[in-house]
PDB file of N, CA and C in Angstrom:
ATOM      1  N   MET A   1     125.504 126.292 118.329  1.00  0.00           N
ATOM      2  CA  MET A   1     124.757 127.438 117.768  1.00  0.00           C
ATOM      3  C   MET A   1     123.667 127.834 118.825  1.00  0.00           C
ATOM      4  N   LYS A   2     123.382 129.077 118.974  1.00  0.00           N
ATOM      5  CA  LYS A   2     122.460 129.593 119.871  1.00  0.00           C
ATOM      6  C   LYS A   2     121.000 129.260 119.271  1.00  0.00           C
ATOM      7  N   CYS A   3     120.127 128.803 120.174  1.00  0.00           N
ATOM      8  CA  CYS A   3     118.759 128.515 119.781  1.00  0.00           C
ATOM      9  C   CYS A   3     118.033 129.811 119.205  1.00  0.00           C
ATOM     10  N   LEU A   4     117.387 129.651 118.088  1.00  0.00           N
ATOM     11  CA  LEU A   4     116.643 130.784 117.524  1.00  0.00           C
ATOM     12  C   LEU A   4     115.305 130.981 118.174  1.00  0.00           C
ATOM     13  N   VAL A   5     114.821 130.068 118.936  1.00  0.00           N
ATOM     14  CA  VAL A   5     113.574 130.199 119.630  1.00  0.00           C
ATOM     15  C   VAL A   5     113.688 130.878 120.961  1.00  0.00           C
ATOM     16  N   CYS A   6     114.499 130.286 121.856  1.00  0.00           N
ATOM     17  CA  CYS A   6     114.572 130.772 123.195  1.00  0.00           C
ATOM     18  C   CYS A   6     115.795 131.777 123.416  1.00  0.00           C
ATOM     19  N   ASN A   7     116.712 131.747 122.486  1.00  0.00           N
ATOM     20  CA  ASN A   7     117.911 132.598 122.571  1.00  0.00           C
ATOM     21  C   ASN A   7     118.736 132.368 123.800  1.00  0.00           C
ATOM     22  N   LYS A   8     118.492 131.189 124.475  1.00  0.00           N
ATOM     23  CA  LYS A   8     119.277 130.957 125.694  1.00  0.00           C
ATOM     24  C   LYS A   8     120.161 129.659 125.540  1.00  0.00           C
ATOM     25  N   GLY A   9     119.487 128.626 125.004  1.00  0.00           N
ATOM     26  CA  GLY A   9     120.183 127.350 124.987  1.00  0.00           C
ATOM     27  C   GLY A   9     120.980 127.250 123.735  1.00  0.00           C
ATOM     28  N   GLU A  10     121.889 126.209 123.825  1.00  0.00           N
ATOM     29  CA  GLU A  10     122.763 125.854 122.687  1.00  0.00           C
ATOM     30  C   GLU A  10     122.064 124.644 122.062  1.00  0.00           C
ATOM     31  N   THR A  11     122.123 124.591 120.653  1.00  0.00           N
ATOM     32  CA  THR A  11     121.625 123.472 119.958  1.00  0.00           C
ATOM     33  C   THR A  11     122.706 122.433 119.761  1.00  0.00           C
ATOM     34  N   ARG A  12     122.258 121.244 119.768  1.00  0.00           N
ATOM     35  CA  ARG A  12     123.195 120.076 119.535  1.00  0.00           C
ATOM     36  C   ARG A  12     122.506 119.036 118.586  1.00  0.00           C
ATOM     37  N   PRO A  13     123.378 118.319 117.864  1.00  0.00           N
ATOM     38  CA  PRO A  13     122.809 117.305 116.949  1.00  0.00           C
ATOM     39  C   PRO A  13     122.038 116.205 117.733  1.00  0.00           C
ATOM     40  N   GLY A  14     120.979 115.843 117.178  1.00  0.00           N
ATOM     41  CA  GLY A  14     120.201 114.798 117.746  1.00  0.00           C
ATOM     42  C   GLY A  14     119.284 114.162 116.721  1.00  0.00           C
ATOM     43  N   ARG A  15     118.269 113.440 117.209  1.00  0.00           N
ATOM     44  CA  ARG A  15     117.220 112.759 116.305  1.00  0.00           C
ATOM     45  C   ARG A  15     115.901 113.072 116.806  1.00  0.00           C
ATOM     46  N   THR A  16     114.941 113.131 115.910  1.00  0.00           N
ATOM     47  CA  THR A  16     113.556 113.478 116.244  1.00  0.00           C
ATOM     48  C   THR A  16     112.647 112.552 115.363  1.00  0.00           C
ATOM     49  N   THR A  17     111.341 112.600 115.681  1.00  0.00           N
ATOM     50  CA  THR A  17     110.334 111.894 114.863  1.00  0.00           C
ATOM     51  C   THR A  17     109.393 112.981 114.289  1.00  0.00           C
ATOM     52  N   LEU A  18     109.175 112.798 113.053  1.00  0.00           N
ATOM     53  CA  LEU A  18     108.330 113.780 112.359  1.00  0.00           C
ATOM     54  C   LEU A  18     107.032 113.016 111.781  1.00  0.00           C
ATOM     55  N   VAL A  19     105.957 113.641 111.853  1.00  0.00           N
ATOM     56  CA  VAL A  19     104.728 113.077 111.185  1.00  0.00           C
ATOM     57  C   VAL A  19     104.351 114.029 110.087  1.00  0.00           C
ATOM     58  N   LEU A  20     104.371 113.595 108.874  1.00  0.00           N
ATOM     59  CA  LEU A  20     103.988 114.352 107.656  1.00  0.00           C
ATOM     60  C   LEU A  20     102.734 113.902 107.119  1.00  0.00           C
ATOM     61  N   GLU A  21     101.857 114.834 106.662  1.00  0.00           N
ATOM     62  CA  GLU A  21     100.508 114.453 106.077  1.00  0.00           C
ATOM     63  C   GLU A  21     100.300 115.141 104.822  1.00  0.00           C
ATOM     64  N   ARG A  22      99.783 114.391 103.857  1.00  0.00           N
ATOM     65  CA  ARG A  22      99.400 114.965 102.535  1.00  0.00           C
ATOM     66  C   ARG A  22      98.201 114.186 101.971  1.00  0.00           C
ATOM     67  N   ASP A  23      97.205 114.876 101.662  1.00  0.00           N
ATOM     68  CA  ASP A  23      95.989 114.271 101.045  1.00  0.00           C
ATOM     69  C   ASP A  23      95.478 113.083 101.844  1.00  0.00           C
ATOM     70  N   GLY A  24      95.504 113.203 103.114  1.00  0.00           N
ATOM     71  CA  GLY A  24      94.902 112.164 104.012  1.00  0.00           C
ATOM     72  C   GLY A  24      95.943 111.034 104.290  1.00  0.00           C
ATOM     73  N   THR A  25      97.132 111.082 103.688  1.00  0.00           N
ATOM     74  CA  THR A  25      98.150 110.050 103.946  1.00  0.00           C
ATOM     75  C   THR A  25      99.112 110.609 105.011  1.00  0.00           C
ATOM     76  N   LYS A  26      99.384 109.767 106.057  1.00  0.00           N
ATOM     77  CA  LYS A  26     100.337 110.208 107.053  1.00  0.00           C
ATOM     78  C   LYS A  26     101.624 109.328 106.945  1.00  0.00           C
ATOM     79  N   LEU A  27     102.705 110.012 107.014  1.00  0.00           N
ATOM     80  CA  LEU A  27     104.049 109.289 107.005  1.00  0.00           C
ATOM     81  C   LEU A  27     104.747 109.677 108.342  1.00  0.00           C
ATOM     82  N   THR A  28     105.094 108.725 109.097  1.00  0.00           N
ATOM     83  CA  THR A  28     105.826 108.898 110.301  1.00  0.00           C
ATOM     84  C   THR A  28     107.327 108.470 110.025  1.00  0.00           C
ATOM     85  N   VAL A  29     108.215 109.425 110.297  1.00  0.00           N
ATOM     86  CA  VAL A  29     109.613 109.151 110.109  1.00  0.00           C
ATOM     87  C   VAL A  29     110.309 109.296 111.432  1.00  0.00           C
ATOM     88  N   GLU A  30     110.987 108.273 111.871  1.00  0.00           N
ATOM     89  CA  GLU A  30     111.721 108.245 113.104  1.00  0.00           C
ATOM     90  C   GLU A  30     113.220 108.437 112.782  1.00  0.00           C
ATOM     91  N   GLY A  31     113.957 108.970 113.754  1.00  0.00           N
ATOM     92  CA  GLY A  31     115.371 109.088 113.623  1.00  0.00           C
ATOM     93  C   GLY A  31     115.801 110.155 112.695  1.00  0.00           C
ATOM     94  N   VAL A  32     115.012 111.188 112.520  1.00  0.00           N
ATOM     95  CA  VAL A  32     115.329 112.285 111.651  1.00  0.00           C
ATOM     96  C   VAL A  32     116.414 113.151 112.217  1.00  0.00           C
ATOM     97  N   PRO A  33     117.514 113.446 111.497  1.00  0.00           N
ATOM     98  CA  PRO A  33     118.563 114.337 112.030  1.00  0.00           C
ATOM     99  C   PRO A  33     117.936 115.710 112.313  1.00  0.00           C
ATOM    100  N   ALA A  34     118.321 116.257 113.449  1.00  0.00           N
ATOM    101  CA  ALA A  34     117.870 117.611 113.844  1.00  0.00           C
ATOM    102  C   ALA A  34     118.877 118.277 114.766  1.00  0.00           C
ATOM    103  N   MET A  35     118.707 119.518 114.832  1.00  0.00           N
ATOM    104  CA  MET A  35     119.472 120.293 115.927  1.00  0.00           C
ATOM    105  C   MET A  35     118.459 120.530 117.052  1.00  0.00           C
ATOM    106  N   ILE A  36     118.733 120.171 118.276  1.00  0.00           N
ATOM    107  CA  ILE A  36     117.820 120.208 119.379  1.00  0.00           C
ATOM    108  C   ILE A  36     118.402 121.081 120.488  1.00  0.00           C
ATOM    109  N   CYS A  37     117.569 122.044 120.865  1.00  0.00           N
ATOM    110  CA  CYS A  37     117.998 122.996 121.934  1.00  0.00           C
ATOM    111  C   CYS A  37     117.989 122.300 123.286  1.00  0.00           C
ATOM    112  N   ALA A  38     119.151 122.457 124.054  1.00  0.00           N
ATOM    113  CA  ALA A  38     119.239 121.804 125.352  1.00  0.00           C
ATOM    114  C   ALA A  38     118.392 122.577 126.346  1.00  0.00           C
ATOM    115  N   ASN A  39     117.955 123.825 126.092  1.00  0.00           N
ATOM    116  CA  ASN A  39     117.149 124.551 127.035  1.00  0.00           C
ATOM    117  C   ASN A  39     115.681 124.396 126.828  1.00  0.00           C
ATOM    118  N   CYS A  40     115.191 124.597 125.647  1.00  0.00           N
ATOM    119  CA  CYS A  40     113.720 124.664 125.377  1.00  0.00           C
ATOM    120  C   CYS A  40     113.187 123.373 124.580  1.00  0.00           C
ATOM    121  N   GLY A  41     114.174 122.625 124.036  1.00  0.00           N
ATOM    122  CA  GLY A  41     113.790 121.422 123.321  1.00  0.00           C
ATOM    123  C   GLY A  41     113.349 121.638 121.902  1.00  0.00           C
ATOM    124  N   ASP A  42     113.471 122.891 121.409  1.00  0.00           N
ATOM    125  CA  ASP A  42     113.111 123.092 120.068  1.00  0.00           C
ATOM    126  C   ASP A  42     113.950 122.199 119.129  1.00  0.00           C
ATOM    127  N   GLU A  43     113.294 121.662 118.041  1.00  0.00           N
ATOM    128  CA  GLU A  43     113.892 120.809 117.112  1.00  0.00           C
ATOM    129  C   GLU A  43     113.869 121.411 115.716  1.00  0.00           C
ATOM    130  N   THR A  44     115.060 121.575 115.155  1.00  0.00           N
ATOM    131  CA  THR A  44     115.204 122.254 113.870  1.00  0.00           C
ATOM    132  C   THR A  44     115.720 121.208 112.887  1.00  0.00           C
ATOM    133  N   VAL A  45     115.060 121.039 111.750  1.00  0.00           N
ATOM    134  CA  VAL A  45     115.475 120.070 110.753  1.00  0.00           C
ATOM    135  C   VAL A  45     116.012 120.886 109.557  1.00  0.00           C
ATOM    136  N   SER A  46     117.134 120.497 108.978  1.00  0.00           N
ATOM    137  CA  SER A  46     117.749 121.222 107.864  1.00  0.00           C
ATOM    138  C   SER A  46     116.915 121.241 106.667  1.00  0.00           C
ATOM    139  N   GLU A  47     117.094 122.206 105.792  1.00  0.00           N
ATOM    140  CA  GLU A  47     116.338 122.320 104.515  1.00  0.00           C
ATOM    141  C   GLU A  47     116.584 121.112 103.623  1.00  0.00           C
ATOM    142  N   GLU A  48     117.758 120.557 103.653  1.00  0.00           N
ATOM    143  CA  GLU A  48     118.093 119.418 102.839  1.00  0.00           C
ATOM    144  C   GLU A  48     117.236 118.195 103.328  1.00  0.00           C
ATOM    145  N   VAL A  49     117.158 117.972 104.583  1.00  0.00           N
ATOM    146  CA  VAL A  49     116.438 116.899 105.177  1.00  0.00           C
ATOM    147  C   VAL A  49     114.933 117.075 104.894  1.00  0.00           C
ATOM    148  N   LYS A  50     114.435 118.275 105.055  1.00  0.00           N
ATOM    149  CA  LYS A  50     113.025 118.608 104.705  1.00  0.00           C
ATOM    150  C   LYS A  50     112.682 118.277 103.257  1.00  0.00           C
ATOM    151  N   ALA A  51     113.571 118.611 102.369  1.00  0.00           N
ATOM    152  CA  ALA A  51     113.315 118.368 100.990  1.00  0.00           C
ATOM    153  C   ALA A  51     113.250 116.859 100.734  1.00  0.00           C
ATOM    154  N   LYS A  52     114.074 116.089 101.331  1.00  0.00           N
ATOM    155  CA  LYS A  52     114.068 114.607 101.110  1.00  0.00           C
ATOM    156  C   LYS A  52     112.710 114.066 101.685  1.00  0.00           C
ATOM    157  N   LEU A  53     112.320 114.510 102.858  1.00  0.00           N
ATOM    158  CA  LEU A  53     111.098 114.022 103.451  1.00  0.00           C
ATOM    159  C   LEU A  53     109.900 114.413 102.675  1.00  0.00           C
ATOM    160  N   LEU A  54     109.892 115.621 102.180  1.00  0.00           N
ATOM    161  CA  LEU A  54     108.729 116.011 101.298  1.00  0.00           C
ATOM    162  C   LEU A  54     108.618 115.250 100.068  1.00  0.00           C
ATOM    163  N   LYS A  55     109.793 114.905  99.442  1.00  0.00           N
ATOM    164  CA  LYS A  55     109.789 113.972  98.277  1.00  0.00           C
ATOM    165  C   LYS A  55     109.273 112.634  98.650  1.00  0.00           C
ATOM    166  N   ALA A  56     109.585 112.128  99.780  1.00  0.00           N
ATOM    167  CA  ALA A  56     109.098 110.832 100.199  1.00  0.00           C
ATOM    168  C   ALA A  56     107.553 110.866 100.374  1.00  0.00           C
ATOM    169  N   VAL A  57     107.060 111.917 100.909  1.00  0.00           N
ATOM    170  CA  VAL A  57     105.579 112.018 101.082  1.00  0.00           C
ATOM    171  C   VAL A  57     104.952 112.090  99.752  1.00  0.00           C
ATOM    172  N   GLN A  58     105.480 112.849  98.797  1.00  0.00           N
ATOM    173  CA  GLN A  58     104.939 112.989  97.426  1.00  0.00           C
ATOM    174  C   GLN A  58     104.923 111.640  96.801  1.00  0.00           C
ATOM    175  N   GLU A  59     106.004 110.835  96.873  1.00  0.00           N
ATOM    176  CA  GLU A  59     106.061 109.570  96.255  1.00  0.00           C
ATOM    177  C   GLU A  59     105.077 108.620  96.904  1.00  0.00           C
ATOM    178  N   ALA A  60     104.915 108.658  98.258  1.00  0.00           N
ATOM    179  CA  ALA A  60     103.944 107.784  98.867  1.00  0.00           C
ATOM    180  C   ALA A  60     102.548 108.104  98.537  1.00  0.00           C
ATOM    181  N   THR A  61     102.188 109.403  98.321  1.00  0.00           N
ATOM    182  CA  THR A  61     100.776 109.688  97.988  1.00  0.00           C
ATOM    183  C   THR A  61     100.545 109.480  96.487  1.00  0.00           C
ATOM    184  N   THR A  62     101.590 109.485  95.680  1.00  0.00           N
ATOM    185  CA  THR A  62     101.445 109.277  94.197  1.00  0.00           C
ATOM    186  C   THR A  62     101.155 107.793  93.954  1.00  0.00           C
ATOM    187  N   GLU A  63     101.895 106.928  94.727  1.00  0.00           N
ATOM    188  CA  GLU A  63     101.756 105.501  94.591  1.00  0.00           C
ATOM    189  C   GLU A  63     100.335 104.972  94.939  1.00  0.00           C
ATOM    190  N   ASP A  64      99.678 105.684  95.905  1.00  0.00           N
ATOM    191  CA  ASP A  64      98.408 105.298  96.346  1.00  0.00           C
ATOM    192  C   ASP A  64      97.259 105.773  95.354  1.00  0.00           C
ATOM    193  N   ALA A  65      97.544 106.736  94.545  1.00  0.00           N
ATOM    194  CA  ALA A  65      96.488 107.319  93.696  1.00  0.00           C
ATOM    195  C   ALA A  65      96.238 106.355  92.458  1.00  0.00           C
TER     196      ALA A  65
END
């Protein structure tokens, strides 16, 4: 798939690290599936993966409360 950011490179499946923050709690997630542009390095995470990660942050902040 053509990169939506640079419009030059092709994206390929890869892994990335995301840091999510909510109410002062940070959650670092390594090995997140992403599509990564070979040209500019832009990393795109699918909506399904985003939803799972946001749920994990919500659960982590709820447990601390």
